Amino acid sequence: MGDFMYLNQKDGWIEVICGPMFAGKTEELLRRVKRLEYARKNIVVFKPDIDNRFSENEVVSHNNNRTKSVNIRRAKDIFKFIDDETDVVAIDEVQFLDEEAVRIIDYLASKKIRVIVSGLDKDFRGEPFSFMPKLLSLAEYVTKLTAICVVCGAPATRTQRIVNDKPARYIDPIVLVGASESYEARCRSCHKVYRKPNPYKGQLKWQKTKSIWS
C-alpha cells in the first residue's frame, strides 16, 4: 500500500500492520518510522516490556533492522512519554498490551496524532488475538501481510506454535513469547492445533477433491 494515501490527511489517524509471525510486520513499521524521521516528524516508538527477545530498549525486526523504543507495561504508560510536540506514536507487538490500548490509541488519533501499530491478528489457535478485531475496525488504514508456509510454500496467514516438536495444544496459554524455535508460519491447510474443538465436524457429507482454482 503506497504512502501517497497519507498526503492529504490533516487529522490524526490509525494504521494497523497485521499478519502472522515472520510476515515482516515489524520491518514495515520500521520502514514507516524511518520515512517519518526523514520528514522531521517527532516520533515516539513503544513496545510492551514482555517482548525482550532481541533487545531491551529497541524494536528489532527479524532482518535486524532496529530503532530505539520505550518499554511499557500498560497502555496508559504511553502518556508519560508524549507531549504536545508529538506527531507520531508507533507501537510494535501491540497485541501484548492490555485492552485499554484500544481506547488510548483511538483517543490519540482524535488529538491529531498519527498512530502506527503492528501486531498479530490471530493467536496460535488461529483465532482473533485479544482486542485486535476492535483495533482493526477503528483503523483508517489496515495492511495485512502474509508470510510463507514452511510446510508447503503457500501464503501463510497463521502462526504455528511448536512444543517439543509437536503442535501446541488448544488449552495452552495464549501468550508465550518466542522466536523461530517456538513458532512457524503456516497456511490454513498446514496449520495444526492439538484437540481444537470442531463443533461442525461431519456436517458436510461430501468431500472436495478439486481445487477451487482448477
N, C-alpha and C. Protein backbone atom coordinates (compact mmCIF):
# COMPACT_ATOMS: atom_id res chain seq x y z
N MET A 1 0.85 -1.18 0.00
CA MET A 1 0.00 0.00 0.00
C MET A 1 0.89 1.23 0.00
N GLY A 2 0.71 2.12 -0.94
CA GLY A 2 1.61 3.24 -1.10
C GLY A 2 1.43 4.31 -0.04
N ASP A 3 2.51 5.07 0.21
CA ASP A 3 2.46 6.13 1.20
C ASP A 3 1.70 7.35 0.69
N PHE A 4 1.40 7.39 -0.61
CA PHE A 4 0.67 8.54 -1.16
C PHE A 4 -0.69 8.71 -0.52
N MET A 5 -1.24 7.64 0.05
CA MET A 5 -2.60 7.72 0.59
C MET A 5 -2.66 8.64 1.82
N TYR A 6 -1.50 8.98 2.41
CA TYR A 6 -1.50 9.81 3.60
C TYR A 6 -1.31 11.29 3.29
N LEU A 7 -1.04 11.66 2.06
CA LEU A 7 -0.59 13.01 1.74
C LEU A 7 -1.60 14.08 2.10
N ASN A 8 -2.89 13.80 1.93
CA ASN A 8 -3.92 14.80 2.19
C ASN A 8 -4.59 14.64 3.55
N GLN A 9 -4.03 13.77 4.36
CA GLN A 9 -4.62 13.52 5.67
C GLN A 9 -4.16 14.59 6.65
N LYS A 10 -5.08 15.43 7.14
CA LYS A 10 -4.73 16.53 8.01
C LYS A 10 -4.88 16.18 9.48
N ASP A 11 -5.78 15.28 9.80
CA ASP A 11 -6.03 14.93 11.18
C ASP A 11 -5.24 13.68 11.57
N GLY A 12 -5.38 13.29 12.85
CA GLY A 12 -4.76 12.05 13.28
C GLY A 12 -5.49 10.86 12.71
N TRP A 13 -4.84 9.72 12.70
CA TRP A 13 -5.47 8.50 12.22
C TRP A 13 -4.72 7.29 12.75
N ILE A 14 -5.28 6.10 12.49
CA ILE A 14 -4.71 4.85 12.98
C ILE A 14 -4.34 3.97 11.80
N GLU A 15 -3.13 3.45 11.83
CA GLU A 15 -2.67 2.46 10.85
C GLU A 15 -2.35 1.16 11.59
N VAL A 16 -2.88 0.06 11.11
CA VAL A 16 -2.59 -1.25 11.71
C VAL A 16 -1.88 -2.12 10.67
N ILE A 17 -0.74 -2.65 11.06
CA ILE A 17 0.00 -3.61 10.24
C ILE A 17 -0.13 -4.96 10.95
N CYS A 18 -0.76 -5.93 10.31
CA CYS A 18 -1.02 -7.19 10.99
C CYS A 18 -0.70 -8.39 10.10
N GLY A 19 -0.76 -9.56 10.69
CA GLY A 19 -0.46 -10.80 9.99
C GLY A 19 0.19 -11.78 10.95
N PRO A 20 0.64 -12.92 10.45
CA PRO A 20 1.28 -13.92 11.31
C PRO A 20 2.72 -13.56 11.61
N MET A 21 3.38 -14.34 12.42
CA MET A 21 4.81 -14.15 12.64
C MET A 21 5.55 -14.38 11.33
N PHE A 22 6.68 -13.73 11.20
CA PHE A 22 7.58 -13.84 10.04
C PHE A 22 6.99 -13.26 8.75
N ALA A 23 5.98 -12.38 8.91
CA ALA A 23 5.37 -11.75 7.73
C ALA A 23 6.01 -10.40 7.41
N GLY A 24 6.88 -9.90 8.30
CA GLY A 24 7.51 -8.60 8.07
C GLY A 24 6.77 -7.43 8.67
N LYS A 25 5.97 -7.66 9.70
CA LYS A 25 5.20 -6.58 10.32
C LYS A 25 6.10 -5.51 10.94
N THR A 26 7.07 -5.96 11.74
CA THR A 26 7.99 -5.01 12.36
C THR A 26 8.83 -4.30 11.32
N GLU A 27 9.24 -5.02 10.29
CA GLU A 27 10.01 -4.43 9.21
C GLU A 27 9.23 -3.28 8.55
N GLU A 28 7.95 -3.49 8.33
CA GLU A 28 7.12 -2.45 7.72
C GLU A 28 6.92 -1.27 8.68
N LEU A 29 6.74 -1.56 9.95
CA LEU A 29 6.62 -0.50 10.94
C LEU A 29 7.88 0.36 10.94
N LEU A 30 9.05 -0.28 10.94
CA LEU A 30 10.32 0.45 10.96
C LEU A 30 10.51 1.26 9.67
N ARG A 31 10.04 0.73 8.56
CA ARG A 31 10.15 1.46 7.29
C ARG A 31 9.36 2.76 7.37
N ARG A 32 8.15 2.70 7.91
CA ARG A 32 7.33 3.90 8.02
C ARG A 32 7.93 4.89 9.01
N VAL A 33 8.47 4.38 10.11
CA VAL A 33 9.12 5.25 11.09
C VAL A 33 10.31 5.96 10.46
N LYS A 34 11.10 5.24 9.69
CA LYS A 34 12.28 5.83 9.05
C LYS A 34 11.88 6.95 8.09
N ARG A 35 10.84 6.74 7.33
CA ARG A 35 10.37 7.78 6.40
C ARG A 35 9.93 9.03 7.16
N LEU A 36 9.27 8.82 8.29
CA LEU A 36 8.81 9.95 9.09
C LEU A 36 9.97 10.69 9.76
N GLU A 37 11.03 9.96 10.08
CA GLU A 37 12.23 10.60 10.62
C GLU A 37 12.85 11.51 9.57
N TYR A 38 12.88 11.05 8.32
CA TYR A 38 13.38 11.89 7.23
C TYR A 38 12.53 13.15 7.07
N ALA A 39 11.23 13.01 7.35
CA ALA A 39 10.32 14.15 7.25
C ALA A 39 10.36 15.04 8.49
N ARG A 40 11.28 14.73 9.42
CA ARG A 40 11.49 15.52 10.63
C ARG A 40 10.26 15.55 11.55
N LYS A 41 9.55 14.43 11.58
CA LYS A 41 8.41 14.32 12.49
C LYS A 41 8.90 13.89 13.88
N ASN A 42 8.19 14.33 14.88
CA ASN A 42 8.50 13.96 16.26
C ASN A 42 7.81 12.62 16.56
N ILE A 43 8.59 11.57 16.69
CA ILE A 43 8.07 10.20 16.80
C ILE A 43 8.49 9.57 18.12
N VAL A 44 7.56 8.88 18.76
CA VAL A 44 7.89 8.07 19.93
C VAL A 44 7.48 6.63 19.63
N VAL A 45 8.43 5.71 19.76
CA VAL A 45 8.20 4.30 19.45
C VAL A 45 8.11 3.52 20.76
N PHE A 46 7.08 2.69 20.87
CA PHE A 46 6.85 1.90 22.08
C PHE A 46 6.84 0.42 21.76
N LYS A 47 7.11 -0.38 22.78
CA LYS A 47 6.87 -1.82 22.69
C LYS A 47 6.56 -2.34 24.09
N PRO A 48 5.75 -3.41 24.20
CA PRO A 48 5.46 -4.00 25.51
C PRO A 48 6.72 -4.59 26.13
N ASP A 49 6.89 -4.42 27.42
CA ASP A 49 8.12 -4.90 28.04
C ASP A 49 8.21 -6.42 28.09
N ILE A 50 7.11 -7.10 27.79
CA ILE A 50 7.14 -8.56 27.73
C ILE A 50 7.97 -9.07 26.56
N ASP A 51 8.10 -8.22 25.52
CA ASP A 51 8.81 -8.64 24.32
C ASP A 51 10.26 -8.16 24.38
N ASN A 52 11.12 -8.99 24.96
CA ASN A 52 12.54 -8.65 25.07
C ASN A 52 13.41 -9.67 24.34
N ARG A 53 12.87 -10.24 23.26
CA ARG A 53 13.58 -11.32 22.55
C ARG A 53 14.90 -10.86 21.96
N PHE A 54 14.93 -9.67 21.38
CA PHE A 54 16.11 -9.22 20.65
C PHE A 54 16.83 -8.06 21.33
N SER A 55 16.10 -7.24 22.08
CA SER A 55 16.70 -6.07 22.71
C SER A 55 15.78 -5.55 23.80
N GLU A 56 16.39 -4.95 24.83
CA GLU A 56 15.60 -4.40 25.93
C GLU A 56 15.00 -3.04 25.60
N ASN A 57 15.71 -2.25 24.78
CA ASN A 57 15.27 -0.87 24.54
C ASN A 57 15.25 -0.51 23.06
N GLU A 58 15.02 -1.52 22.21
CA GLU A 58 14.90 -1.28 20.79
C GLU A 58 13.81 -2.17 20.20
N VAL A 59 13.16 -1.68 19.16
CA VAL A 59 12.32 -2.53 18.33
C VAL A 59 13.22 -3.09 17.24
N VAL A 60 13.25 -4.42 17.13
CA VAL A 60 14.17 -5.09 16.21
C VAL A 60 13.39 -6.05 15.32
N SER A 61 13.63 -5.98 14.02
CA SER A 61 12.97 -6.90 13.10
C SER A 61 13.79 -8.17 12.96
N HIS A 62 13.21 -9.19 12.31
CA HIS A 62 13.94 -10.43 12.09
C HIS A 62 15.11 -10.23 11.13
N ASN A 63 15.10 -9.13 10.38
CA ASN A 63 16.22 -8.78 9.50
C ASN A 63 17.25 -7.92 10.21
N ASN A 64 17.05 -7.72 11.51
CA ASN A 64 17.98 -6.99 12.37
C ASN A 64 17.97 -5.48 12.13
N ASN A 65 16.95 -4.96 11.47
CA ASN A 65 16.76 -3.52 11.46
C ASN A 65 16.18 -3.12 12.80
N ARG A 66 16.52 -1.91 13.26
CA ARG A 66 16.13 -1.56 14.63
C ARG A 66 16.00 -0.06 14.80
N THR A 67 15.26 0.31 15.86
CA THR A 67 15.16 1.71 16.26
C THR A 67 14.94 1.75 17.77
N LYS A 68 15.34 2.85 18.39
CA LYS A 68 15.18 3.00 19.83
C LYS A 68 13.70 3.01 20.21
N SER A 69 13.38 2.42 21.34
CA SER A 69 11.98 2.36 21.76
C SER A 69 11.86 2.52 23.27
N VAL A 70 10.64 2.78 23.70
CA VAL A 70 10.32 2.89 25.12
C VAL A 70 9.52 1.65 25.52
N ASN A 71 9.97 0.95 26.54
CA ASN A 71 9.24 -0.21 27.04
C ASN A 71 8.11 0.24 27.95
N ILE A 72 6.95 -0.33 27.74
CA ILE A 72 5.81 -0.01 28.61
C ILE A 72 5.13 -1.29 29.08
N ARG A 73 4.64 -1.25 30.29
CA ARG A 73 3.93 -2.41 30.85
C ARG A 73 2.44 -2.32 30.60
N ARG A 74 1.91 -1.09 30.66
CA ARG A 74 0.49 -0.85 30.44
C ARG A 74 0.31 0.21 29.36
N ALA A 75 -0.80 0.14 28.69
CA ALA A 75 -1.04 1.08 27.58
C ALA A 75 -1.02 2.52 28.05
N LYS A 76 -1.57 2.79 29.23
CA LYS A 76 -1.64 4.18 29.68
C LYS A 76 -0.29 4.78 30.03
N ASP A 77 0.76 3.94 30.08
CA ASP A 77 2.11 4.46 30.27
C ASP A 77 2.56 5.32 29.10
N ILE A 78 1.89 5.18 27.96
CA ILE A 78 2.21 5.99 26.78
C ILE A 78 2.16 7.48 27.12
N PHE A 79 1.20 7.87 27.94
CA PHE A 79 1.01 9.29 28.26
C PHE A 79 2.22 9.90 28.97
N LYS A 80 3.03 9.07 29.60
CA LYS A 80 4.20 9.58 30.32
C LYS A 80 5.31 10.05 29.37
N PHE A 81 5.24 9.61 28.10
CA PHE A 81 6.37 9.84 27.20
C PHE A 81 6.02 10.68 25.97
N ILE A 82 4.81 11.22 25.92
CA ILE A 82 4.43 12.06 24.80
C ILE A 82 4.02 13.44 25.31
N ASP A 83 4.06 14.42 24.42
CA ASP A 83 3.65 15.78 24.77
C ASP A 83 3.01 16.43 23.56
N ASP A 84 2.79 17.74 23.65
CA ASP A 84 2.08 18.42 22.57
C ASP A 84 2.91 18.57 21.30
N GLU A 85 4.18 18.17 21.38
CA GLU A 85 5.04 18.20 20.19
C GLU A 85 5.06 16.86 19.46
N THR A 86 4.42 15.85 20.02
CA THR A 86 4.44 14.51 19.42
C THR A 86 3.56 14.47 18.18
N ASP A 87 4.16 14.06 17.06
CA ASP A 87 3.40 13.92 15.81
C ASP A 87 2.93 12.49 15.58
N VAL A 88 3.77 11.54 15.98
CA VAL A 88 3.52 10.13 15.66
C VAL A 88 3.81 9.25 16.87
N VAL A 89 2.92 8.30 17.12
CA VAL A 89 3.16 7.24 18.10
C VAL A 89 3.17 5.92 17.35
N ALA A 90 4.23 5.15 17.53
CA ALA A 90 4.35 3.83 16.90
C ALA A 90 4.46 2.77 17.99
N ILE A 91 3.74 1.67 17.81
CA ILE A 91 3.75 0.59 18.81
C ILE A 91 3.96 -0.74 18.11
N ASP A 92 4.99 -1.45 18.48
CA ASP A 92 5.24 -2.79 17.95
C ASP A 92 4.65 -3.83 18.89
N GLU A 93 4.20 -4.95 18.34
CA GLU A 93 3.62 -6.05 19.13
C GLU A 93 2.50 -5.54 20.04
N VAL A 94 1.62 -4.74 19.47
CA VAL A 94 0.58 -4.09 20.25
C VAL A 94 -0.34 -5.08 20.95
N GLN A 95 -0.46 -6.29 20.40
CA GLN A 95 -1.41 -7.27 20.97
C GLN A 95 -1.02 -7.71 22.38
N PHE A 96 0.22 -7.43 22.80
CA PHE A 96 0.66 -7.82 24.14
C PHE A 96 0.31 -6.78 25.21
N LEU A 97 -0.24 -5.65 24.79
CA LEU A 97 -0.69 -4.66 25.77
C LEU A 97 -2.07 -5.02 26.30
N ASP A 98 -2.51 -4.31 27.33
CA ASP A 98 -3.85 -4.54 27.87
C ASP A 98 -4.89 -3.91 26.95
N GLU A 99 -6.15 -4.27 27.15
CA GLU A 99 -7.22 -3.87 26.23
C GLU A 99 -7.48 -2.37 26.24
N GLU A 100 -7.01 -1.66 27.26
CA GLU A 100 -7.16 -0.21 27.28
C GLU A 100 -6.41 0.44 26.13
N ALA A 101 -5.50 -0.30 25.50
CA ALA A 101 -4.75 0.22 24.35
C ALA A 101 -5.69 0.69 23.25
N VAL A 102 -6.80 0.00 23.07
CA VAL A 102 -7.74 0.37 22.01
C VAL A 102 -8.29 1.77 22.23
N ARG A 103 -8.75 2.06 23.43
CA ARG A 103 -9.32 3.38 23.73
C ARG A 103 -8.25 4.46 23.68
N ILE A 104 -7.06 4.14 24.15
CA ILE A 104 -5.99 5.14 24.17
C ILE A 104 -5.53 5.46 22.75
N ILE A 105 -5.38 4.46 21.90
CA ILE A 105 -4.98 4.68 20.52
C ILE A 105 -6.03 5.51 19.79
N ASP A 106 -7.30 5.19 20.03
CA ASP A 106 -8.39 5.95 19.42
C ASP A 106 -8.37 7.40 19.90
N TYR A 107 -8.09 7.60 21.17
CA TYR A 107 -8.01 8.96 21.73
C TYR A 107 -6.86 9.74 21.11
N LEU A 108 -5.70 9.12 20.99
CA LEU A 108 -4.54 9.80 20.40
C LEU A 108 -4.83 10.24 18.97
N ALA A 109 -5.48 9.38 18.21
CA ALA A 109 -5.83 9.73 16.83
C ALA A 109 -6.79 10.91 16.80
N SER A 110 -7.68 10.98 17.76
CA SER A 110 -8.64 12.08 17.81
C SER A 110 -7.96 13.40 18.17
N LYS A 111 -6.75 13.32 18.74
CA LYS A 111 -5.97 14.50 19.10
C LYS A 111 -4.92 14.82 18.03
N LYS A 112 -5.19 14.36 16.81
CA LYS A 112 -4.36 14.68 15.64
C LYS A 112 -2.97 14.05 15.68
N ILE A 113 -2.86 12.91 16.33
CA ILE A 113 -1.61 12.14 16.34
C ILE A 113 -1.76 10.95 15.41
N ARG A 114 -0.79 10.75 14.57
CA ARG A 114 -0.77 9.57 13.70
C ARG A 114 -0.27 8.39 14.52
N VAL A 115 -1.05 7.33 14.59
CA VAL A 115 -0.70 6.15 15.38
C VAL A 115 -0.49 4.97 14.44
N ILE A 116 0.70 4.39 14.52
CA ILE A 116 1.05 3.23 13.69
C ILE A 116 1.32 2.06 14.62
N VAL A 117 0.59 0.98 14.46
CA VAL A 117 0.81 -0.19 15.31
C VAL A 117 1.01 -1.43 14.45
N SER A 118 1.77 -2.37 14.99
CA SER A 118 1.92 -3.67 14.33
C SER A 118 1.64 -4.76 15.34
N GLY A 119 1.09 -5.87 14.86
CA GLY A 119 0.79 -6.95 15.77
C GLY A 119 0.16 -8.15 15.09
N LEU A 120 0.05 -9.22 15.83
CA LEU A 120 -0.59 -10.44 15.35
C LEU A 120 -2.10 -10.26 15.33
N ASP A 121 -2.74 -10.61 14.23
CA ASP A 121 -4.20 -10.55 14.21
C ASP A 121 -4.83 -11.84 14.72
N LYS A 122 -4.06 -12.94 14.70
CA LYS A 122 -4.56 -14.24 15.20
C LYS A 122 -3.57 -14.80 16.21
N ASP A 123 -4.10 -15.56 17.18
CA ASP A 123 -3.23 -16.26 18.12
C ASP A 123 -2.81 -17.61 17.54
N PHE A 124 -2.09 -18.40 18.30
CA PHE A 124 -1.58 -19.68 17.79
C PHE A 124 -2.70 -20.66 17.47
N ARG A 125 -3.90 -20.41 18.01
CA ARG A 125 -5.05 -21.27 17.71
C ARG A 125 -5.68 -20.95 16.36
N GLY A 126 -5.26 -19.83 15.77
CA GLY A 126 -5.88 -19.37 14.54
C GLY A 126 -7.13 -18.55 14.79
N GLU A 127 -7.30 -18.07 16.03
CA GLU A 127 -8.45 -17.28 16.43
C GLU A 127 -8.05 -15.83 16.64
N PRO A 128 -9.00 -14.89 16.57
CA PRO A 128 -8.66 -13.48 16.75
C PRO A 128 -7.90 -13.24 18.06
N PHE A 129 -6.83 -12.45 17.97
CA PHE A 129 -5.96 -12.21 19.11
C PHE A 129 -6.51 -11.06 19.96
N SER A 130 -7.05 -11.39 21.11
CA SER A 130 -7.46 -10.41 22.11
C SER A 130 -8.29 -9.28 21.49
N PHE A 131 -7.83 -8.03 21.66
CA PHE A 131 -8.58 -6.85 21.22
C PHE A 131 -8.29 -6.45 19.79
N MET A 132 -7.48 -7.24 19.07
CA MET A 132 -7.09 -6.83 17.71
C MET A 132 -8.28 -6.59 16.78
N PRO A 133 -9.36 -7.38 16.82
CA PRO A 133 -10.51 -7.07 15.95
C PRO A 133 -11.08 -5.67 16.18
N LYS A 134 -11.14 -5.23 17.43
CA LYS A 134 -11.63 -3.88 17.72
C LYS A 134 -10.71 -2.83 17.11
N LEU A 135 -9.41 -3.04 17.25
CA LEU A 135 -8.45 -2.09 16.72
C LEU A 135 -8.52 -2.03 15.20
N LEU A 136 -8.68 -3.18 14.57
CA LEU A 136 -8.79 -3.22 13.11
C LEU A 136 -10.03 -2.47 12.63
N SER A 137 -11.11 -2.57 13.38
CA SER A 137 -12.34 -1.90 12.96
C SER A 137 -12.25 -0.38 13.12
N LEU A 138 -11.41 0.10 14.04
CA LEU A 138 -11.26 1.53 14.27
C LEU A 138 -10.25 2.18 13.33
N ALA A 139 -9.37 1.38 12.77
CA ALA A 139 -8.26 1.91 11.97
C ALA A 139 -8.74 2.48 10.64
N GLU A 140 -8.11 3.60 10.24
CA GLU A 140 -8.36 4.14 8.90
C GLU A 140 -7.67 3.30 7.83
N TYR A 141 -6.51 2.76 8.18
CA TYR A 141 -5.71 2.01 7.19
C TYR A 141 -5.24 0.70 7.81
N VAL A 142 -5.48 -0.40 7.11
CA VAL A 142 -5.05 -1.72 7.57
C VAL A 142 -4.19 -2.36 6.48
N THR A 143 -3.01 -2.81 6.88
CA THR A 143 -2.13 -3.56 5.98
C THR A 143 -2.01 -4.97 6.52
N LYS A 144 -2.54 -5.94 5.79
CA LYS A 144 -2.49 -7.33 6.24
C LYS A 144 -1.44 -8.07 5.43
N LEU A 145 -0.39 -8.49 6.11
CA LEU A 145 0.74 -9.15 5.46
C LEU A 145 0.64 -10.67 5.60
N THR A 146 1.27 -11.37 4.69
CA THR A 146 1.38 -12.83 4.78
C THR A 146 2.84 -13.23 4.80
N ALA A 147 3.09 -14.40 5.35
CA ALA A 147 4.43 -14.99 5.34
C ALA A 147 4.42 -16.15 4.33
N ILE A 148 5.42 -17.00 4.41
CA ILE A 148 5.49 -18.19 3.55
C ILE A 148 5.36 -19.43 4.43
N CYS A 149 4.41 -20.29 4.11
CA CYS A 149 4.22 -21.52 4.87
C CYS A 149 5.48 -22.39 4.79
N VAL A 150 6.01 -22.78 5.94
CA VAL A 150 7.24 -23.56 5.95
C VAL A 150 7.02 -25.01 5.51
N VAL A 151 5.75 -25.42 5.44
CA VAL A 151 5.44 -26.80 5.05
C VAL A 151 5.25 -26.93 3.54
N CYS A 152 4.42 -26.05 2.95
CA CYS A 152 4.08 -26.21 1.53
C CYS A 152 4.47 -25.03 0.65
N GLY A 153 4.88 -23.93 1.25
CA GLY A 153 5.29 -22.78 0.46
C GLY A 153 4.17 -21.84 0.04
N ALA A 154 2.94 -22.11 0.46
CA ALA A 154 1.81 -21.24 0.13
C ALA A 154 1.85 -20.00 1.02
N PRO A 155 1.06 -18.95 0.68
CA PRO A 155 0.98 -17.80 1.57
C PRO A 155 0.50 -18.21 2.96
N ALA A 156 1.20 -17.76 3.98
CA ALA A 156 0.88 -18.15 5.35
C ALA A 156 0.15 -17.02 6.06
N THR A 157 -0.98 -17.35 6.67
CA THR A 157 -1.77 -16.37 7.40
C THR A 157 -1.90 -16.73 8.88
N ARG A 158 -1.25 -17.81 9.29
CA ARG A 158 -1.37 -18.28 10.66
C ARG A 158 0.00 -18.55 11.28
N THR A 159 0.02 -18.54 12.61
CA THR A 159 1.25 -18.80 13.35
C THR A 159 1.14 -20.15 14.05
N GLN A 160 2.05 -21.05 13.71
CA GLN A 160 2.05 -22.39 14.29
C GLN A 160 2.96 -22.42 15.50
N ARG A 161 2.40 -22.77 16.65
CA ARG A 161 3.24 -22.95 17.83
C ARG A 161 3.69 -24.40 17.90
N ILE A 162 4.99 -24.59 18.13
CA ILE A 162 5.58 -25.93 18.23
C ILE A 162 6.11 -26.13 19.64
N VAL A 163 5.69 -27.21 20.29
CA VAL A 163 6.17 -27.56 21.62
C VAL A 163 6.69 -28.99 21.58
N ASN A 164 7.97 -29.17 21.87
CA ASN A 164 8.59 -30.49 21.81
C ASN A 164 8.37 -31.17 20.45
N ASP A 165 8.54 -30.36 19.39
CA ASP A 165 8.42 -30.84 18.00
C ASP A 165 7.01 -31.25 17.61
N LYS A 166 6.01 -30.85 18.40
CA LYS A 166 4.62 -31.18 18.09
C LYS A 166 3.76 -29.92 18.15
N PRO A 167 2.63 -29.91 17.43
CA PRO A 167 1.72 -28.76 17.52
C PRO A 167 1.25 -28.53 18.96
N ALA A 168 1.13 -27.26 19.33
CA ALA A 168 0.68 -26.93 20.68
C ALA A 168 -0.77 -27.37 20.89
N ARG A 169 -1.13 -27.54 22.14
CA ARG A 169 -2.49 -27.92 22.50
C ARG A 169 -3.38 -26.69 22.53
N TYR A 170 -4.64 -26.88 22.22
CA TYR A 170 -5.60 -25.78 22.23
C TYR A 170 -5.69 -25.11 23.59
N ILE A 171 -5.52 -25.88 24.67
CA ILE A 171 -5.68 -25.34 26.02
C ILE A 171 -4.44 -24.63 26.53
N ASP A 172 -3.36 -24.60 25.75
CA ASP A 172 -2.13 -23.93 26.18
C ASP A 172 -2.35 -22.42 26.30
N PRO A 173 -1.52 -21.73 27.10
CA PRO A 173 -1.66 -20.27 27.25
C PRO A 173 -1.50 -19.55 25.91
N ILE A 174 -2.23 -18.43 25.78
CA ILE A 174 -2.16 -17.66 24.54
C ILE A 174 -0.80 -16.99 24.39
N VAL A 175 -0.33 -16.34 25.45
CA VAL A 175 0.91 -15.56 25.36
C VAL A 175 2.09 -16.41 25.78
N LEU A 176 3.01 -16.61 24.85
CA LEU A 176 4.27 -17.30 25.09
C LEU A 176 5.25 -16.75 24.07
N VAL A 177 6.02 -15.74 24.48
CA VAL A 177 6.88 -15.05 23.52
C VAL A 177 8.04 -15.95 23.12
N GLY A 178 8.23 -16.11 21.81
CA GLY A 178 9.30 -16.95 21.32
C GLY A 178 9.79 -16.48 19.98
N ALA A 179 10.63 -17.27 19.34
CA ALA A 179 11.13 -16.93 18.01
C ALA A 179 11.05 -18.16 17.14
N SER A 180 12.03 -18.40 16.26
CA SER A 180 11.91 -19.47 15.29
C SER A 180 11.84 -20.86 15.92
N GLU A 181 12.44 -21.02 17.11
CA GLU A 181 12.41 -22.34 17.74
C GLU A 181 11.05 -22.68 18.33
N SER A 182 10.16 -21.69 18.49
CA SER A 182 8.86 -21.91 19.11
C SER A 182 7.70 -21.76 18.14
N TYR A 183 7.92 -21.05 17.04
CA TYR A 183 6.83 -20.72 16.12
C TYR A 183 7.24 -20.89 14.66
N GLU A 184 6.23 -21.16 13.82
CA GLU A 184 6.43 -21.22 12.38
C GLU A 184 5.25 -20.54 11.69
N ALA A 185 5.50 -20.04 10.49
CA ALA A 185 4.40 -19.51 9.68
C ALA A 185 3.77 -20.67 8.92
N ARG A 186 2.44 -20.73 8.92
CA ARG A 186 1.72 -21.81 8.23
C ARG A 186 0.52 -21.24 7.47
N CYS A 187 0.14 -21.93 6.42
CA CYS A 187 -1.10 -21.61 5.72
C CYS A 187 -2.27 -22.26 6.46
N ARG A 188 -3.49 -22.00 6.00
CA ARG A 188 -4.67 -22.57 6.66
C ARG A 188 -4.63 -24.10 6.69
N SER A 189 -4.24 -24.71 5.57
CA SER A 189 -4.27 -26.17 5.48
C SER A 189 -3.21 -26.84 6.36
N CYS A 190 -2.05 -26.20 6.49
CA CYS A 190 -0.95 -26.82 7.23
C CYS A 190 -0.92 -26.44 8.71
N HIS A 191 -1.78 -25.51 9.10
CA HIS A 191 -1.82 -25.08 10.49
C HIS A 191 -2.54 -26.12 11.34
N LYS A 192 -1.91 -26.55 12.44
CA LYS A 192 -2.47 -27.59 13.30
C LYS A 192 -2.52 -27.13 14.75
N VAL A 193 -3.63 -27.46 15.41
CA VAL A 193 -3.77 -27.21 16.85
C VAL A 193 -4.31 -28.48 17.48
N TYR A 194 -3.57 -29.04 18.41
CA TYR A 194 -3.95 -30.32 19.02
C TYR A 194 -5.23 -30.16 19.84
N ARG A 195 -6.23 -30.97 19.50
CA ARG A 195 -7.51 -31.02 20.19
C ARG A 195 -8.28 -29.69 20.15
N LYS A 196 -8.22 -29.03 19.01
CA LYS A 196 -9.02 -27.82 18.84
C LYS A 196 -10.48 -28.24 18.64
N PRO A 197 -11.41 -27.66 19.39
CA PRO A 197 -12.83 -28.01 19.25
C PRO A 197 -13.33 -27.77 17.83
N ASN A 198 -14.14 -28.70 17.33
CA ASN A 198 -14.70 -28.56 15.98
C ASN A 198 -16.17 -29.01 16.03
N PRO A 199 -17.09 -28.10 16.36
CA PRO A 199 -18.49 -28.48 16.53
C PRO A 199 -19.18 -28.86 15.22
N TYR A 200 -18.56 -28.56 14.07
CA TYR A 200 -19.21 -28.83 12.78
C TYR A 200 -18.61 -30.04 12.08
N LYS A 201 -17.77 -30.78 12.76
CA LYS A 201 -17.15 -31.95 12.15
C LYS A 201 -18.23 -32.95 11.71
N GLY A 202 -18.15 -33.37 10.47
CA GLY A 202 -19.09 -34.34 9.94
C GLY A 202 -20.35 -33.75 9.35
N GLN A 203 -20.51 -32.41 9.42
CA GLN A 203 -21.72 -31.78 8.90
C GLN A 203 -21.77 -31.80 7.37
N LEU A 204 -20.62 -31.73 6.72
CA LEU A 204 -20.58 -31.80 5.26
C LEU A 204 -20.43 -33.26 4.84
N LYS A 205 -21.37 -33.74 4.02
CA LYS A 205 -21.39 -35.15 3.66
C LYS A 205 -20.58 -35.46 2.41
N TRP A 206 -20.11 -34.41 1.74
CA TRP A 206 -19.28 -34.64 0.56
C TRP A 206 -17.84 -34.23 0.85
N GLN A 207 -16.95 -34.58 -0.02
CA GLN A 207 -15.54 -34.23 0.13
C GLN A 207 -15.07 -33.57 -1.14
N LYS A 208 -14.47 -32.36 -1.01
CA LYS A 208 -13.95 -31.68 -2.18
C LYS A 208 -12.69 -32.38 -2.66
N THR A 209 -12.64 -32.67 -3.93
CA THR A 209 -11.45 -33.32 -4.49
C THR A 209 -10.75 -32.44 -5.51
N LYS A 210 -11.43 -31.33 -5.92
CA LYS A 210 -10.83 -30.43 -6.89
C LYS A 210 -10.51 -29.09 -6.24
N SER A 211 -9.41 -28.49 -6.68
CA SER A 211 -9.04 -27.17 -6.19
C SER A 211 -10.03 -26.13 -6.70
N ILE A 212 -10.28 -25.10 -5.89
CA ILE A 212 -11.18 -24.04 -6.34
C ILE A 212 -10.56 -23.26 -7.49
N TRP A 213 -9.26 -23.44 -7.72
CA TRP A 213 -8.57 -22.72 -8.78
C TRP A 213 -8.54 -23.53 -10.07
N SER A 214 -8.98 -24.78 -10.05
CA SER A 214 -8.90 -25.64 -11.26
C SER A 214 -10.07 -25.37 -12.22
